[in-house]
Amino acid sequence: MTKTNTQAPVEEAGNQPVVEVTNLIGNFADYLPETWQPYWNQLQSIPMLKFVIIACIGYIVGKIIQFIIIRSVTQVTKRTRTLVDDHLVELLKRPIFLTVFYLFLIVATKSLDISTSFKSNLVRIILTLIVFMWMTRGFKILKLLLQVLSDLRNRFKMIQRKTVPLFDLIGKLALVAAGSYFILLIWGINPTAWLASAGVIGIAVGFAAKDTLSNLFSGFFIIADTPYKVGDFVVLDSGERGMVTNVGIRSTRILTRDDVEITVPNAVIGNAKIKNESGGRWEKKRLRIKVGVAYGTDLDLVCNVLEDIGTNADNVCSTPNPRVRMRLFGPSSIDFELLVWIDEPVLKGRVTHSLMMAVYKRFNQENIEIPYSKQDVYIKEMPKSNYTSESKSQ
């Protein structure tokens, strides 16, 4: 057999990708030294021996390339403090070797004395194994990268431990789609029709799961935008107030002060106006204690008493310091506000209770009147009683 017989083209319809790959790596004799050419030509008469020799050469070359690449990359990874790159090198070690070995198997397959169609199918199978190997190894690499990025929450706020399953699913779908596309090309199948069918199915599924997809995308944007986080105290449009206990992909859970858990779909809460009491410059919250005093009261005394109550109260911040503000000349009272800050919104009810109790007691001690509504009833004339007039006539 001559050298040209080793390059027999694959003439089946739809085999163009296989032809390109085999023509690219199949001219093995071109890479041999001229002194080895006579020995190579002698092997043409023993196809099986030629197959075994090329496979062994592929194994050796694969190990050499694996050693060179891994060795070079390892020298770089040793300079870093993290172990992530070391794990990544371990994940890439086997695929690099197998890719080189499988490519040599394709060359060895061309040396077999078998039919062209069967030879073409063997090449397709080997190329499919290469794609499938990198696709499955891509799953592990994706998992490693997402785990690393989720730990760097200060840099990548979108990727958190709660969002890792979402990105993992999206990444796996992308890898499967890319792998399937290349496998279809390898087997000579036009992927256009399959993509069109997938588009129609995707539209149908989108309409059927409209609410679910809406919640999923809203949850993704809530986690990315972080208008609130776990532990924050929020107030919903409906008036419920509580602590966020979980921000999931589909819903958000809020624990009210009555220890009742509310589950709100993300599509609803994403389009609502949410008041985050733990947001802003800090987590501190300001309380307003309103109190009215009667006209004629010493207003300076009122201000001093209220400031003293705010300064000595428990769970009240010293910075910013408590303040007293006169707000209104009311119909029957002069209205004041005691403004204090608390460290956490969860203390709102407790501190409000203690401050109002202290205001009432101190005002009683200082003889400061808190006016309240009074109604005086004046009787202009007593009605005449029929019973009295009848008794007199008798």
Foldseek 3Di string as FASTA:
>chain_A
DDLVLLLDAQPDPLQVVVRVLCVVLQSVVVPDDPVCVVVVVVCLVVLVVLLVVLLVVLLVVLVVVLCVVLVVQVVVCVPDDDCLSVVVNVLVSVLSSLVSSLSSNLNSLSSDPDDSVVNLVVSLVSVLVSLVSVLVSVLVNLLSVLVVVQVVCVVQQLRHPQCSVVVSVVSNVVSVVVSVVVSCSNVSHDCPVVVVVVVVVVVVVCVVCVLQVLLQVLLSVCSRVVPDDAQWWKAFPVGFIFGWHDRHRFWTWGQGPVRDIDTGGSNVVSPTDMGTCCDDPGRKHKDKDKAWFFPPDDVVVVQVQLQVLQQPAPQWDPVVGWGKDFDDDDPGTGMMIIMTMGRHPVCHVVRNVSSVVSSVVVCVVVVTDGDDDDDDDDDPDDDDDPVVVVVVVD
